[in-house]
C-alpha atoms as a PDB file:
ATOM      1  CA  MET A   1     -93.187 -11.452 -37.329  1.00  0.00           C
ATOM      2  CA  SER A   2     -94.013  -7.914 -36.612  1.00  0.00           C
ATOM      3  CA  ALA A   3     -97.742  -6.528 -36.128  1.00  0.00           C
ATOM      4  CA  GLU A   4     -97.424  -4.732 -39.401  1.00  0.00           C
ATOM      5  CA  HIS A   5     -96.858  -8.256 -41.576  1.00  0.00           C
ATOM      6  CA  LEU A   6     -99.787  -9.500 -39.677  1.00  0.00           C
ATOM      7  CA  ALA A   7    -102.014  -6.653 -40.255  1.00  0.00           C
ATOM      8  CA  GLY A   8    -100.955  -7.290 -44.111  1.00  0.00           C
ATOM      9  CA  GLU A   9    -101.602 -10.412 -44.407  1.00  0.00           C
ATOM     10  CA  GLY A  10    -104.540 -10.755 -42.712  1.00  0.00           C
ATOM     11  CA  THR A  11    -106.430  -7.985 -44.753  1.00  0.00           C
ATOM     12  CA  ALA A  12    -105.546  -9.518 -47.816  1.00  0.00           C
ATOM     13  CA  VAL A  13    -106.985 -13.216 -46.796  1.00  0.00           C
ATOM     14  CA  ASP A  14    -110.212 -11.415 -45.667  1.00  0.00           C
ATOM     15  CA  ALA A  15    -110.547  -9.704 -48.579  1.00  0.00           C
ATOM     16  CA  ALA A  16    -109.959 -12.478 -50.736  1.00  0.00           C
ATOM     17  CA  LEU A  17    -112.799 -14.592 -48.577  1.00  0.00           C
ATOM     18  CA  ALA A  18    -115.237 -11.673 -48.735  1.00  0.00           C
ATOM     19  CA  PHE A  19    -114.932 -11.362 -52.384  1.00  0.00           C
ATOM     20  CA  ALA A  20    -114.993 -15.096 -53.025  1.00  0.00           C
ATOM     21  CA  GLU A  21    -118.620 -15.216 -50.700  1.00  0.00           C
ATOM     22  CA  LEU A  22    -119.999 -12.023 -52.537  1.00  0.00           C
ATOM     23  CA  SER A  23    -120.689 -13.193 -55.914  1.00  0.00           C
ATOM     24  CA  PRO A  24    -123.436 -12.742 -57.764  1.00  0.00           C
ATOM     25  CA  GLU A  25    -125.053 -16.083 -57.327  1.00  0.00           C
ATOM     26  CA  THR A  26    -124.587 -15.868 -53.638  1.00  0.00           C
ATOM     27  CA  THR A  27    -126.018 -12.340 -53.255  1.00  0.00           C
ATOM     28  CA  ARG A  28    -128.214 -11.988 -54.936  1.00  0.00           C
ATOM     29  CA  GLU A  29    -131.140  -9.480 -53.561  1.00  0.00           C
ATOM     30  CA  ARG A  30    -129.444 -11.363 -50.094  1.00  0.00           C
ATOM     31  CA  ARG A  31    -127.361 -10.081 -47.713  1.00  0.00           C
ATOM     32  CA  LEU A  32    -124.319 -12.139 -45.603  1.00  0.00           C
ATOM     33  CA  VAL A  33    -123.942 -12.046 -41.841  1.00  0.00           C
ATOM     34  CA  TRP A  34    -120.223 -13.813 -41.181  1.00  0.00           C
ATOM     35  CA  GLN A  35    -120.288 -16.711 -38.570  1.00  0.00           C
ATOM     36  CA  GLY A  36    -117.443 -16.051 -36.285  1.00  0.00           C
ATOM     37  CA  GLU A  37    -114.132 -14.617 -37.196  1.00  0.00           C
ATOM     38  CA  PRO A  38    -112.288 -15.992 -40.175  1.00  0.00           C
ATOM     39  CA  GLY A  39    -110.024 -18.445 -39.272  1.00  0.00           C
ATOM     40  CA  GLU A  40    -106.253 -17.519 -40.456  1.00  0.00           C
ATOM     41  CA  GLU A  41    -102.849 -18.694 -40.023  1.00  0.00           C
ATOM     42  CA  HIS A  42     -99.495 -17.100 -40.885  1.00  0.00           C
ATOM     43  CA  TYR A  43     -96.579 -19.176 -41.917  1.00  0.00           C
ATOM     44  CA  ASN A  44     -94.195 -16.658 -42.936  1.00  0.00           C
ATOM     45  CA  PRO A  45     -93.810 -12.924 -43.110  1.00  0.00           C
ATOM     46  CA  ILE A  46     -93.881 -10.543 -45.914  1.00  0.00           C
ATOM     47  CA  THR A  47     -90.498  -8.721 -46.144  1.00  0.00           C
ATOM     48  CA  ARG A  48     -89.042  -6.449 -48.780  1.00  0.00           C
ATOM     49  CA  ASP A  49     -87.094  -9.583 -50.181  1.00  0.00           C
ATOM     50  CA  THR A  50     -90.679 -11.451 -50.526  1.00  0.00           C
ATOM     51  CA  GLY A  51     -91.246  -9.604 -53.570  1.00  0.00           C
ATOM     52  CA  ARG A  52     -94.914  -9.795 -55.288  1.00  0.00           C
ATOM     53  CA  VAL A  53     -97.479 -11.640 -53.442  1.00  0.00           C
ATOM     54  CA  LEU A  54    -100.373 -13.677 -54.682  1.00  0.00           C
ATOM     55  CA  CYS A  55    -103.921 -14.192 -52.432  1.00  0.00           C
ATOM     56  CA  GLU A  56    -106.148 -16.436 -54.621  1.00  0.00           C
ATOM     57  CA  ALA A  57    -109.570 -17.233 -52.778  1.00  0.00           C
ATOM     58  CA  ASN A  58    -112.185 -20.494 -53.605  1.00  0.00           C
ATOM     59  CA  VAL A  59    -115.791 -21.304 -52.595  1.00  0.00           C
ATOM     60  CA  LEU A  60    -115.290 -24.523 -51.047  1.00  0.00           C
ATOM     61  CA  TYR A  61    -119.473 -24.788 -50.501  1.00  0.00           C
ATOM     62  CA  ARG A  62    -122.025 -22.710 -51.571  1.00  0.00           C
ATOM     63  CA  GLY A  63    -125.559 -23.728 -50.217  1.00  0.00           C
ATOM     64  CA  ARG A  64    -129.229 -21.945 -50.348  1.00  0.00           C
ATOM     65  CA  ARG A  65    -128.220 -20.520 -46.484  1.00  0.00           C
ATOM     66  CA  GLN A  66    -124.247 -20.946 -46.217  1.00  0.00           C
ATOM     67  CA  ALA A  67    -121.096 -20.574 -48.075  1.00  0.00           C
ATOM     68  CA  THR A  68    -117.563 -21.504 -47.006  1.00  0.00           C
ATOM     69  CA  ALA A  69    -114.588 -19.886 -48.598  1.00  0.00           C
ATOM     70  CA  GLU A  70    -110.320 -19.996 -48.279  1.00  0.00           C
ATOM     71  CA  ALA A  71    -108.027 -18.033 -49.343  1.00  0.00           C
ATOM     72  CA  ASN A  72    -104.140 -18.711 -49.640  1.00  0.00           C
ATOM     73  CA  LEU A  73    -101.666 -16.023 -49.871  1.00  0.00           C
ATOM     74  CA  THR A  74     -98.134 -16.712 -51.416  1.00  0.00           C
ATOM     75  CA  ALA A  75     -95.299 -15.409 -52.787  1.00  0.00           C
ATOM     76  CA  ALA A  76     -95.388 -15.311 -56.893  1.00  0.00           C
ATOM     77  CA  ASP A  77     -92.011 -15.538 -57.422  1.00  0.00           C
ATOM     78  CA  SER A  78     -91.207 -18.724 -54.913  1.00  0.00           C
ATOM     79  CA  GLY A  79     -94.488 -19.917 -54.703  1.00  0.00           C
ATOM     80  CA  LYS A  80     -94.235 -20.121 -50.706  1.00  0.00           C
ATOM     81  CA  ARG A  81     -97.158 -20.167 -48.515  1.00  0.00           C
ATOM     82  CA  LEU A  82     -97.244 -17.087 -46.555  1.00  0.00           C
ATOM     83  CA  ALA A  83    -100.576 -17.093 -44.949  1.00  0.00           C
ATOM     84  CA  HIS A  84    -103.862 -18.952 -45.290  1.00  0.00           C
ATOM     85  CA  GLY A  85    -107.839 -18.421 -44.250  1.00  0.00           C
ATOM     86  CA  ILE A  86    -110.809 -20.293 -43.916  1.00  0.00           C
ATOM     87  CA  ALA A  87    -114.591 -18.638 -43.384  1.00  0.00           C
ATOM     88  CA  THR A  88    -118.067 -19.522 -43.128  1.00  0.00           C
ATOM     89  CA  CYS A  89    -121.187 -16.953 -43.668  1.00  0.00           C
ATOM     90  CA  MET A  90    -124.706 -17.200 -43.627  1.00  0.00           C
ATOM     91  CA  ILE A  91    -127.119 -16.314 -46.456  1.00  0.00           C
ATOM     92  CA  LEU A  92    -130.040 -14.088 -45.390  1.00  0.00           C
ATOM     93  CA  SER A  93    -133.224 -13.613 -47.578  1.00  0.00           C
END
């Protein structure tokens, strides 16, 4: 797997995690502070043969002071998992 593949997968997973945690319910007149680096696992490289790629994120927990989300990057046609990430952030008022 080349650095180019890792950068593309990591960027998609990071963005999905941020969008999930930056929902209006979480950030209404508040700001988020990431707690450490988002944890990411890369399983398979993205190549020209991979085709369309889908990245979905879900909020696992959202409290008054903390939110946790996970993201999955999969090949849209085969459903093969390419990468997974999880991140936690603090919610400051």
